[in-house]
Amino acid sequence: MSEIADILANSAFWVAVLRIATPLILGTLGVLLCERAGVLNLGIEGIMVAGAFTGWLAVYLGLPLWGGVAVAALTGAAFGLLHALLTVGLALSQHVSGLGITMLATALSYYGYRVSFPKVNTPPTVTPFAPMEWLPIPVLSQQSSLTLLALLLVPMVAYVLYRTPAGLALRMVGENPQAAEGQGVSVAATRTAGIMAGSALMGVAGSFLTLSAFNAFFFNMINGRGWICVALVVFASWRPGKALLGALLFAFFDALQLRLQQAGDAVLPYQLYLMLPYLLSILALVLVARKASYPQALMKPYRKGER
């Protein structure tokens, strides 16, 4: 117990928690927007890979860092449009489409990397975002501006969802598309916009890893973060504020297991430490998800004029 207390008392631990949570916050907000519109987007894992690669490659080729983030967002939005065409326009299976996009985006990213750097064994590097040392808050001052963006997006997304006509329309098409259509809302256009916006955030989540957390692109760097984001949306009951809490909770467990592994007197197998954040997150998910109120039209295709 004293070992854990020492870890929690160290400010570097909380810096790591926020850094680990950043791509989860962005990705979870992206999934939340898609699902609020009534569409499950299992393409997040591949979209994050594509965002990580294209954002990093754009900076490597000469664009500024924020230009790389914009490229990653556009890449995510493009895959989101493809997902919308398949699931909204053609009413195909959202599960199959999402998994297909994950495989397509991942394969295209890896292929693009191999074509761009055929004779490179060590991944080329870029200069990542610098820490915001001008901030007076110790934990935030050691983060990059992408982390600040992720934190600011939480109240912004909440405001748009609950305080604007666009947010009301998005929630309507995810709850009762027939009623939305009766009020003159285009279900197809609104769902497509929600999917593209959410997928753009997924792309930005991937770019954080190559432009902030690391300075290079390498295979398997997403490492299941996309699937964690899908689970965190359920934990959050499709609410942005709780999504932030869920991302921080998982990041806390993840950072804790890393510190416990590094402890010199650790006696448990390292696999148990690796399991810790997932086991505790599953437990929290089970306790919360039973009372979660999900969008009623989630994963239900809609065709105009149907009742």
Protein backbone atom coordinates (compact mmCIF):
# COMPACT_ATOMS: atom_id res chain seq x y z
CA MET A 1 0.00 0.00 0.00
CA SER A 2 2.85 2.38 0.75
CA GLU A 3 4.14 1.70 -2.75
CA ILE A 4 0.83 2.80 -4.29
CA ALA A 5 0.71 5.84 -2.02
CA ASP A 6 4.16 6.89 -3.21
CA ILE A 7 3.04 6.51 -6.83
CA LEU A 8 -0.09 8.62 -6.28
CA ALA A 9 1.92 11.33 -4.53
CA ASN A 10 4.20 11.74 -7.54
CA SER A 11 3.07 14.47 -9.96
CA ALA A 12 4.69 12.58 -12.86
CA PHE A 13 2.07 9.87 -12.37
CA TRP A 14 -0.79 12.31 -12.93
CA VAL A 15 0.98 13.76 -15.95
CA ALA A 16 1.09 10.24 -17.39
CA VAL A 17 -2.61 9.69 -16.60
CA LEU A 18 -3.65 12.76 -18.56
CA ARG A 19 -1.34 11.90 -21.45
CA ILE A 20 -2.71 8.34 -21.69
CA ALA A 21 -6.29 9.66 -21.43
CA THR A 22 -6.00 12.21 -24.26
CA PRO A 23 -6.50 9.90 -27.28
CA LEU A 24 -9.21 8.07 -25.34
CA ILE A 25 -11.07 11.33 -24.70
CA LEU A 26 -10.94 12.30 -28.38
CA GLY A 27 -11.86 8.83 -29.61
CA THR A 28 -14.69 8.41 -27.10
CA LEU A 29 -16.21 11.76 -28.09
CA GLY A 30 -16.02 10.62 -31.71
CA VAL A 31 -17.82 7.34 -31.00
CA LEU A 32 -20.36 9.22 -28.89
CA LEU A 33 -21.29 11.56 -31.77
CA CYS A 34 -21.72 8.63 -34.15
CA GLU A 35 -23.86 6.65 -31.74
CA ARG A 36 -25.93 9.67 -30.75
CA ALA A 37 -26.83 9.81 -34.43
CA GLY A 38 -27.90 6.17 -34.27
CA VAL A 39 -24.88 4.58 -35.99
CA LEU A 40 -22.32 2.26 -34.44
CA ASN A 41 -18.85 2.98 -35.83
CA LEU A 42 -16.52 0.03 -35.31
CA GLY A 43 -14.17 1.57 -37.84
CA ILE A 44 -12.56 3.61 -35.06
CA GLU A 45 -9.52 1.37 -34.66
CA GLY A 46 -8.60 1.70 -38.34
CA ILE A 47 -9.54 5.39 -38.49
CA MET A 48 -7.17 6.08 -35.60
CA VAL A 49 -4.40 4.22 -37.46
CA ALA A 50 -5.09 6.24 -40.61
CA GLY A 51 -5.18 9.51 -38.66
CA ALA A 52 -1.91 8.67 -36.95
CA PHE A 53 -0.23 7.87 -40.27
CA THR A 54 -1.56 10.67 -42.47
CA GLY A 55 -1.11 13.34 -39.81
CA TRP A 56 2.47 12.26 -39.17
CA LEU A 57 3.28 11.91 -42.88
CA ALA A 58 1.89 15.39 -43.62
CA VAL A 59 4.16 16.91 -40.97
CA TYR A 60 7.12 14.84 -42.21
CA LEU A 61 6.52 16.24 -45.71
CA GLY A 62 6.59 19.83 -44.47
CA LEU A 63 3.19 20.83 -43.08
CA PRO A 64 3.05 22.46 -39.62
CA LEU A 65 1.88 20.36 -36.70
CA TRP A 66 -1.65 21.77 -36.73
CA GLY A 67 -1.71 21.13 -40.47
CA GLY A 68 -0.98 17.48 -39.70
CA VAL A 69 -3.84 17.42 -37.21
CA ALA A 70 -6.14 18.89 -39.87
CA VAL A 71 -5.05 16.21 -42.37
CA ALA A 72 -5.76 13.51 -39.78
CA ALA A 73 -9.22 14.99 -39.15
CA LEU A 74 -9.97 15.09 -42.88
CA THR A 75 -8.79 11.49 -43.24
CA GLY A 76 -11.12 10.44 -40.43
CA ALA A 77 -14.00 12.38 -41.97
CA ALA A 78 -13.40 10.68 -45.34
CA PHE A 79 -13.62 7.21 -43.79
CA GLY A 80 -16.65 8.41 -41.84
CA LEU A 81 -18.31 9.42 -45.11
CA LEU A 82 -17.61 5.95 -46.50
CA HIS A 83 -19.16 4.38 -43.40
CA ALA A 84 -22.19 6.67 -43.73
CA LEU A 85 -22.67 5.77 -47.39
CA LEU A 86 -22.67 2.09 -46.51
CA THR A 87 -24.79 2.20 -43.34
CA VAL A 88 -27.06 5.21 -43.89
CA GLY A 89 -27.33 5.35 -47.66
CA LEU A 90 -27.37 1.60 -48.36
CA ALA A 91 -28.59 0.49 -44.91
CA LEU A 92 -25.91 -2.23 -44.70
CA SER A 93 -24.83 -3.89 -41.46
CA GLN A 94 -23.13 -1.36 -39.22
CA HIS A 95 -20.99 -4.07 -37.64
CA VAL A 96 -19.70 -5.42 -40.94
CA SER A 97 -19.13 -1.96 -42.43
CA GLY A 98 -17.24 -0.76 -39.35
CA LEU A 99 -14.99 -3.80 -39.16
CA GLY A 100 -14.38 -3.56 -42.91
CA ILE A 101 -13.33 0.08 -42.57
CA THR A 102 -10.99 -0.84 -39.72
CA MET A 103 -9.28 -3.44 -41.91
CA LEU A 104 -9.25 -1.14 -44.97
CA ALA A 105 -7.88 1.91 -43.16
CA THR A 106 -5.24 -0.12 -41.32
CA ALA A 107 -4.10 -1.92 -44.47
CA LEU A 108 -3.96 1.32 -46.51
CA SER A 109 -1.93 3.04 -43.77
CA TYR A 110 0.58 0.21 -43.51
CA TYR A 111 0.83 -0.02 -47.29
CA GLY A 112 1.32 3.74 -47.54
CA TYR A 113 4.09 3.58 -44.98
CA ARG A 114 5.88 0.75 -46.80
CA VAL A 115 5.59 2.55 -50.14
CA SER A 116 6.76 5.87 -48.68
CA PHE A 117 9.71 4.35 -46.80
CA PRO A 118 10.65 1.09 -48.55
CA LYS A 119 14.24 0.92 -47.31
CA VAL A 120 13.87 2.37 -43.81
CA ASN A 121 14.28 0.09 -40.80
CA THR A 122 13.94 2.78 -38.13
CA PRO A 123 10.79 4.96 -38.37
CA PRO A 124 11.61 8.55 -39.40
CA THR A 125 10.81 11.17 -36.78
CA VAL A 126 9.22 14.61 -36.66
CA THR A 127 9.35 17.36 -34.07
CA PRO A 128 6.23 16.83 -31.90
CA PHE A 129 4.09 19.35 -30.06
CA ALA A 130 5.99 20.99 -27.21
CA PRO A 131 4.67 21.03 -23.61
CA MET A 132 2.60 24.07 -22.63
CA GLU A 133 5.09 25.34 -20.06
CA TRP A 134 3.37 28.74 -19.99
CA LEU A 135 0.37 27.28 -18.15
CA PRO A 136 0.37 27.81 -14.36
CA ILE A 137 -1.20 24.39 -13.67
CA PRO A 138 1.66 21.89 -13.06
CA VAL A 139 0.05 18.78 -14.58
CA LEU A 140 -1.28 20.64 -17.65
CA SER A 141 1.98 22.54 -18.21
CA GLN A 142 3.69 19.27 -19.13
CA GLN A 143 1.04 18.34 -21.69
CA SER A 144 0.80 19.35 -25.33
CA SER A 145 -1.85 21.63 -26.80
CA LEU A 146 -3.68 18.57 -28.18
CA THR A 147 -4.43 17.53 -24.61
CA LEU A 148 -5.86 20.98 -23.91
CA LEU A 149 -7.94 20.67 -27.09
CA ALA A 150 -9.30 17.31 -25.94
CA LEU A 151 -10.32 18.74 -22.56
CA LEU A 152 -11.97 21.78 -24.14
CA LEU A 153 -13.88 19.62 -26.60
CA VAL A 154 -15.76 17.88 -23.78
CA PRO A 155 -17.84 20.95 -22.75
CA MET A 156 -18.02 22.06 -26.39
CA VAL A 157 -19.55 18.75 -27.52
CA ALA A 158 -21.90 18.79 -24.53
CA TYR A 159 -23.01 22.33 -25.40
CA VAL A 160 -23.63 21.45 -29.04
CA LEU A 161 -25.57 18.29 -28.13
CA TYR A 162 -27.81 19.82 -25.48
CA ARG A 163 -27.96 23.55 -26.25
CA THR A 164 -28.12 23.90 -30.03
CA PRO A 165 -30.67 23.00 -32.75
CA ALA A 166 -28.01 20.90 -34.51
CA GLY A 167 -27.45 18.88 -31.36
CA LEU A 168 -31.19 18.39 -30.88
CA ALA A 169 -31.50 17.16 -34.47
CA LEU A 170 -28.59 14.75 -33.96
CA ARG A 171 -30.16 13.31 -30.82
CA MET A 172 -33.57 13.08 -32.50
CA VAL A 173 -32.31 10.99 -35.41
CA GLY A 174 -30.63 8.68 -32.89
CA GLU A 175 -33.75 8.34 -30.75
CA ASN A 176 -36.71 8.60 -33.09
CA PRO A 177 -35.86 9.18 -36.76
CA GLN A 178 -39.54 9.05 -37.76
CA ALA A 179 -40.31 11.98 -35.46
CA ALA A 180 -37.24 13.84 -36.75
CA GLU A 181 -38.41 13.35 -40.32
CA GLY A 182 -41.85 14.61 -39.34
CA GLN A 183 -40.23 17.83 -38.12
CA GLY A 184 -38.47 18.35 -41.42
CA VAL A 185 -35.08 17.04 -40.35
CA SER A 186 -33.15 15.08 -42.98
CA VAL A 187 -32.25 11.86 -41.17
CA ALA A 188 -29.70 10.80 -43.77
CA ALA A 189 -27.91 14.18 -43.87
CA THR A 190 -27.89 14.54 -40.07
CA ARG A 191 -26.60 11.03 -39.49
CA THR A 192 -23.94 11.47 -42.16
CA ALA A 193 -22.79 14.76 -40.60
CA GLY A 194 -22.64 13.17 -37.14
CA ILE A 195 -20.63 10.20 -38.40
CA MET A 196 -18.19 12.42 -40.28
CA ALA A 197 -17.69 14.74 -37.29
CA GLY A 198 -17.18 11.80 -34.95
CA SER A 199 -14.78 10.09 -37.34
CA ALA A 200 -12.79 13.32 -37.68
CA LEU A 201 -12.26 13.28 -33.91
CA MET A 202 -11.12 9.66 -34.18
CA GLY A 203 -8.53 10.72 -36.74
CA VAL A 204 -7.31 13.49 -34.42
CA ALA A 205 -7.09 10.92 -31.61
CA GLY A 206 -4.72 8.88 -33.77
CA SER A 207 -2.64 11.92 -34.68
CA PHE A 208 -2.04 12.63 -30.99
CA LEU A 209 0.04 9.47 -30.77
CA THR A 210 2.37 10.39 -33.64
CA LEU A 211 2.48 14.18 -33.16
CA SER A 212 2.46 14.47 -29.37
CA ALA A 213 2.91 11.26 -27.39
CA PHE A 214 5.57 9.98 -29.84
CA ASN A 215 7.33 11.53 -32.82
CA ALA A 216 7.07 8.64 -35.29
CA PHE A 217 4.61 6.19 -36.80
CA PHE A 218 4.98 2.48 -36.20
CA PHE A 219 2.79 -0.57 -36.65
CA ASN A 220 0.31 -1.59 -33.94
CA MET A 221 0.70 1.72 -32.12
CA ILE A 222 -3.08 2.12 -31.64
CA ASN A 223 -3.02 -1.16 -29.69
CA GLY A 224 -6.77 -1.56 -29.12
CA ARG A 225 -7.45 2.00 -27.98
CA GLY A 226 -10.32 2.24 -30.43
CA TRP A 227 -12.14 -0.71 -28.87
CA ILE A 228 -11.62 0.83 -25.43
CA CYS A 229 -13.33 4.00 -26.68
CA VAL A 230 -16.35 1.99 -27.84
CA ALA A 231 -16.67 0.49 -24.36
CA LEU A 232 -16.15 3.86 -22.65
CA VAL A 233 -19.16 5.33 -24.48
CA VAL A 234 -21.37 2.70 -22.84
CA PHE A 235 -19.71 3.42 -19.48
CA ALA A 236 -20.44 7.12 -20.05
CA SER A 237 -24.12 6.49 -20.87
CA TRP A 238 -23.55 8.50 -24.06
CA ARG A 239 -22.76 11.69 -22.11
CA PRO A 240 -19.60 13.77 -22.80
CA GLY A 241 -18.86 14.57 -19.14
CA LYS A 242 -18.98 10.93 -18.10
CA ALA A 243 -16.91 10.06 -21.17
CA LEU A 244 -14.13 12.25 -19.79
CA LEU A 245 -14.44 10.51 -16.43
CA GLY A 246 -14.29 7.07 -18.04
CA ALA A 247 -11.21 7.94 -20.11
CA LEU A 248 -9.42 9.28 -17.02
CA LEU A 249 -10.41 6.19 -15.02
CA PHE A 250 -8.96 3.79 -17.60
CA ALA A 251 -5.84 5.95 -17.97
CA PHE A 252 -5.43 5.93 -14.18
CA PHE A 253 -5.45 2.12 -14.07
CA ASP A 254 -3.13 1.91 -17.07
CA ALA A 255 -0.60 4.35 -15.63
CA LEU A 256 -0.80 2.58 -12.28
CA GLN A 257 -0.01 -0.84 -13.74
CA LEU A 258 2.99 0.63 -15.57
CA ARG A 259 4.35 2.06 -12.33
CA LEU A 260 3.71 -1.19 -10.45
CA GLN A 261 5.61 -3.12 -13.10
CA GLN A 262 8.55 -0.77 -12.69
CA ALA A 263 8.62 -1.27 -8.92
CA GLY A 264 11.74 -3.16 -7.96
CA ASP A 265 10.06 -5.48 -5.47
CA ALA A 266 7.13 -6.51 -7.70
CA VAL A 267 6.46 -10.21 -7.16
CA LEU A 268 3.41 -10.77 -9.39
CA PRO A 269 3.77 -11.75 -13.07
CA TYR A 270 3.75 -8.72 -15.34
CA GLN A 271 0.75 -10.13 -17.24
CA LEU A 272 -1.41 -9.51 -14.17
CA TYR A 273 -0.39 -5.87 -14.17
CA LEU A 274 -1.24 -5.61 -17.87
CA MET A 275 -4.68 -7.06 -17.15
CA LEU A 276 -5.38 -4.63 -14.30
CA PRO A 277 -6.78 -1.63 -16.26
CA TYR A 278 -8.97 -3.89 -18.41
CA LEU A 279 -10.32 -5.93 -15.51
CA LEU A 280 -11.15 -2.88 -13.41
CA SER A 281 -12.65 -1.08 -16.42
CA ILE A 282 -14.84 -4.10 -17.20
CA LEU A 283 -16.01 -4.13 -13.60
CA ALA A 284 -16.87 -0.43 -13.74
CA LEU A 285 -18.56 -0.95 -17.11
CA VAL A 286 -20.74 -3.77 -15.76
CA LEU A 287 -21.79 -1.72 -12.75
CA VAL A 288 -22.70 1.36 -14.77
CA ALA A 289 -23.93 -0.05 -18.09
CA ARG A 290 -26.87 -1.88 -16.51
CA LYS A 291 -28.52 1.48 -15.89
CA ALA A 292 -27.36 3.15 -19.10
CA SER A 293 -29.99 4.71 -21.35
CA TYR A 294 -28.83 4.12 -24.92
CA PRO A 295 -30.12 5.88 -28.08
CA GLN A 296 -33.27 4.00 -29.05
CA ALA A 297 -32.51 3.97 -32.79
CA LEU A 298 -28.90 2.86 -32.38
CA MET A 299 -27.94 0.27 -35.05
CA LYS A 300 -31.40 0.48 -36.63
CA PRO A 301 -31.31 1.35 -40.35
CA TYR A 302 -33.82 3.98 -41.45
CA ARG A 303 -35.38 4.51 -44.84
CA LYS A 304 -37.29 7.68 -45.57
CA GLY A 305 -41.03 7.26 -45.40
CA GLU A 306 -40.95 4.01 -43.41
CA ARG A 307 -42.96 3.75 -40.21
